[in-house]
Protein backbone atom coordinates (compact mmCIF):
# COMPACT_ATOMS: atom_id res chain seq x y z
CA MET A 1 -3.87 24.10 -4.67
CA ASN A 2 -2.89 20.73 -3.91
CA THR A 3 -4.96 19.50 -0.69
CA VAL A 4 -5.93 16.52 1.32
CA SER A 5 -9.15 15.99 3.12
CA ALA A 6 -11.21 12.89 4.00
CA ASN A 7 -12.73 12.55 0.80
CA THR A 8 -10.06 13.19 -1.64
CA ALA A 9 -6.20 13.01 -1.35
CA GLN A 10 -4.60 15.05 -3.87
CA GLY A 11 -1.40 15.91 -5.39
CA THR A 12 1.70 13.82 -5.44
CA LYS A 13 1.67 10.78 -3.65
CA THR A 14 4.46 9.32 -1.70
CA PRO A 15 4.36 5.26 -2.72
CA LEU A 16 5.47 3.56 0.30
CA ILE A 17 4.85 -0.08 -0.22
CA GLY A 18 3.39 -1.63 -3.80
CA ILE A 19 3.26 -6.20 -3.60
CA THR A 20 2.21 -7.17 -7.02
CA ALA A 21 1.22 -11.00 -7.44
CA VAL A 22 1.17 -12.27 -11.15
CA THR A 23 0.86 -15.57 -12.28
CA ASP A 24 3.44 -15.45 -15.44
CA GLU A 25 6.83 -14.63 -14.77
CA GLU A 26 6.61 -12.80 -18.27
CA SER A 27 4.38 -10.68 -17.15
CA SER A 28 4.12 -6.62 -17.84
CA VAL A 29 2.54 -5.67 -14.61
CA VAL A 30 5.26 -5.99 -11.57
CA GLU A 31 6.67 -3.68 -9.08
CA PRO A 32 9.54 -1.16 -10.05
CA GLU A 33 12.77 -2.63 -9.08
CA ALA A 34 14.71 0.07 -9.64
CA ALA A 35 13.09 3.67 -10.18
CA PRO A 36 14.06 7.41 -10.00
CA GLY A 37 14.65 8.89 -6.99
CA GLY A 38 17.56 6.55 -5.73
CA ALA A 39 18.04 6.14 -2.35
CA LEU A 40 14.44 7.50 -1.62
CA GLU A 41 12.93 4.46 -3.65
CA MET A 42 15.46 2.09 -2.17
CA SER A 43 14.27 2.57 1.33
CA ARG A 44 10.85 1.55 0.33
CA PHE A 45 9.47 -2.09 0.18
CA PHE A 46 8.55 -3.19 -3.09
CA ALA A 47 8.14 -6.65 -4.21
CA THR A 48 6.38 -8.89 -7.51
CA HIS A 49 5.71 -12.61 -6.18
CA LEU A 50 5.03 -15.50 -8.59
CA VAL A 51 1.96 -17.54 -7.75
CA ALA A 52 0.66 -20.37 -9.43
CA ASN A 53 -2.73 -19.36 -9.10
CA LEU A 54 -4.96 -15.58 -8.51
CA VAL A 55 -6.84 -16.09 -4.66
CA LYS A 56 -9.01 -13.55 -3.96
CA CYS A 57 -7.21 -12.61 -0.43
CA GLY A 58 -9.04 -9.30 0.13
CA ASN A 59 -10.58 -10.82 3.60
CA SER A 60 -6.67 -11.39 5.00
CA VAL A 61 -5.41 -8.21 3.57
CA GLU A 62 -7.99 -6.48 5.08
CA SER A 63 -7.32 -7.87 7.70
CA VAL A 64 -3.46 -6.88 8.31
CA PHE A 65 -4.64 -3.53 7.53
CA GLY A 66 -6.99 -3.32 10.59
CA ASP A 67 -4.41 -5.11 12.49
CA TRP A 68 -2.26 -2.40 11.63
CA LEU A 69 -4.67 0.33 11.90
CA LYS A 70 -5.36 -0.80 15.27
CA THR A 71 -2.03 -1.10 16.47
CA HIS A 72 -0.74 2.18 15.56
CA GLY A 73 -4.24 3.89 16.69
CA LEU A 74 -5.27 5.33 13.39
CA ILE A 75 -9.24 5.73 12.35
CA PRO A 76 -10.66 4.68 8.85
CA LEU A 77 -11.42 8.38 7.35
CA LYS A 78 -13.15 6.38 4.74
CA LYS A 79 -12.96 2.31 4.00
CA THR A 80 -14.27 0.50 0.92
CA THR A 81 -14.71 -3.48 1.22
CA MET A 82 -15.41 -5.52 -2.51
CA PRO A 83 -14.54 -8.89 -2.83
CA ASP A 84 -12.29 -7.92 -5.37
CA ARG A 85 -10.83 -4.84 -3.67
CA TYR A 86 -10.46 -3.12 -0.58
CA PHE A 87 -9.43 0.80 0.13
CA MET A 88 -9.23 2.84 2.99
CA ARG A 89 -7.66 6.52 4.30
CA VAL A 90 -6.70 7.50 7.32
CA TRP A 91 -4.82 10.60 9.03
CA ASP A 92 -1.21 10.58 9.88
CA HIS A 93 -0.92 11.08 13.79
CA ASP A 94 0.40 14.23 13.14
CA LYS A 95 -2.62 15.05 10.18
CA ARG A 96 0.72 16.07 8.47
CA GLY A 97 -1.33 13.49 5.26
CA VAL A 98 -3.19 10.69 4.54
CA PHE A 99 -2.80 7.07 4.31
CA GLU A 100 -4.15 5.05 1.01
CA GLY A 101 -4.17 1.61 1.62
CA ARG A 102 -5.18 -0.45 -1.40
CA TYR A 103 -6.04 -3.90 -2.46
CA GLN A 104 -7.24 -4.41 -6.03
CA ILE A 105 -7.59 -7.84 -8.64
CA ASN A 106 -7.41 -7.04 -12.14
CA ASN A 107 -8.69 -9.96 -14.12
CA LYS A 108 -7.60 -7.94 -17.50
CA THR A 109 -3.63 -8.20 -16.45
CA GLN A 110 -4.64 -11.25 -14.13
CA SER A 111 -2.25 -9.66 -11.06
CA ILE A 112 -3.49 -8.68 -7.94
CA ARG A 113 -1.78 -5.59 -6.23
CA VAL A 114 -1.38 -4.55 -2.28
CA SER A 115 -0.46 -0.98 -1.73
CA LEU A 116 -0.03 1.75 0.97
CA ASP A 117 1.06 5.50 -0.81
CA PHE A 118 1.30 8.13 1.49
CA TYR A 119 -0.15 12.16 0.86
CA ASP A 120 1.43 15.12 1.80
CA ILE A 121 -1.00 18.04 2.98
CA SER A 122 1.67 20.25 1.38
CA GLY A 123 0.71 18.46 -2.01
CA LYS A 124 4.67 17.38 -2.33
CA LYS A 125 6.40 13.68 -2.08
CA LEU A 126 8.21 13.31 1.15
CA VAL A 127 11.62 14.03 1.46
CA ILE A 128 13.75 10.60 2.35
CA GLN A 129 14.00 11.89 6.05
CA ASP A 130 10.76 11.74 6.56
CA VAL A 131 10.20 8.63 4.48
CA ASN A 132 12.50 7.13 7.12
CA LYS A 133 10.38 8.75 9.92
CA VAL A 134 7.11 7.64 8.26
CA LEU A 135 8.92 4.12 7.92
CA SER A 136 10.28 3.79 11.56
CA THR A 137 7.20 5.33 13.22
CA TYR A 138 4.24 3.07 11.46
CA LYS A 139 6.36 0.10 11.25
CA LEU A 140 6.05 -0.47 7.33
CA ALA A 141 8.98 -2.97 7.35
CA ASP A 142 6.12 -4.94 9.59
CA LEU A 143 3.08 -4.38 7.82
CA TRP A 144 5.08 -5.40 4.22
CA GLU A 145 5.82 -8.40 5.97
CA SER A 146 2.26 -9.29 6.64
CA LEU A 147 0.85 -8.15 3.32
CA ALA A 148 3.60 -10.48 1.82
CA GLU A 149 2.02 -13.49 3.50
CA ALA A 150 -1.83 -11.87 3.29
CA ILE A 151 -1.47 -11.76 -0.88
CA GLU A 152 -1.17 -15.73 -1.35
CA CYS A 153 -3.53 -16.47 1.26
CA ASP A 154 -4.23 -19.92 1.60
CA PRO A 155 -8.30 -20.54 0.66
CA SER A 156 -8.42 -23.63 2.38
């Protein structure tokens, strides 16, 4: 049986946001431009950014996620903050599922990734109507824009 709890999210995730920063345009680490699922995949937010240098922007990303949580009255069930990674897990308003937000620097692939996924308590992927409702209710277009700026922070 697939379950979602405060400690673990099991089952099939529904990716909602994915932003990857890379220093090499030939990098094999990129966000999918087209993925299985057709319109479902197109209704979410994915981008690969080419940057001159990878900069640790964990504080900026954490701040954006914090503002998003505050705006929607969400309280993290679990949160981990380190210099090279950030993780948070939070129930949605209806307790139908859990959002997982991540920020990770990968020195091996020379990339930085920030993402937001959703795990429905049924363990199934969200259908397109539910994805659109989540996108609208939680203003994920605004979150995506803010995260896209945060991942390219200026360290000065």
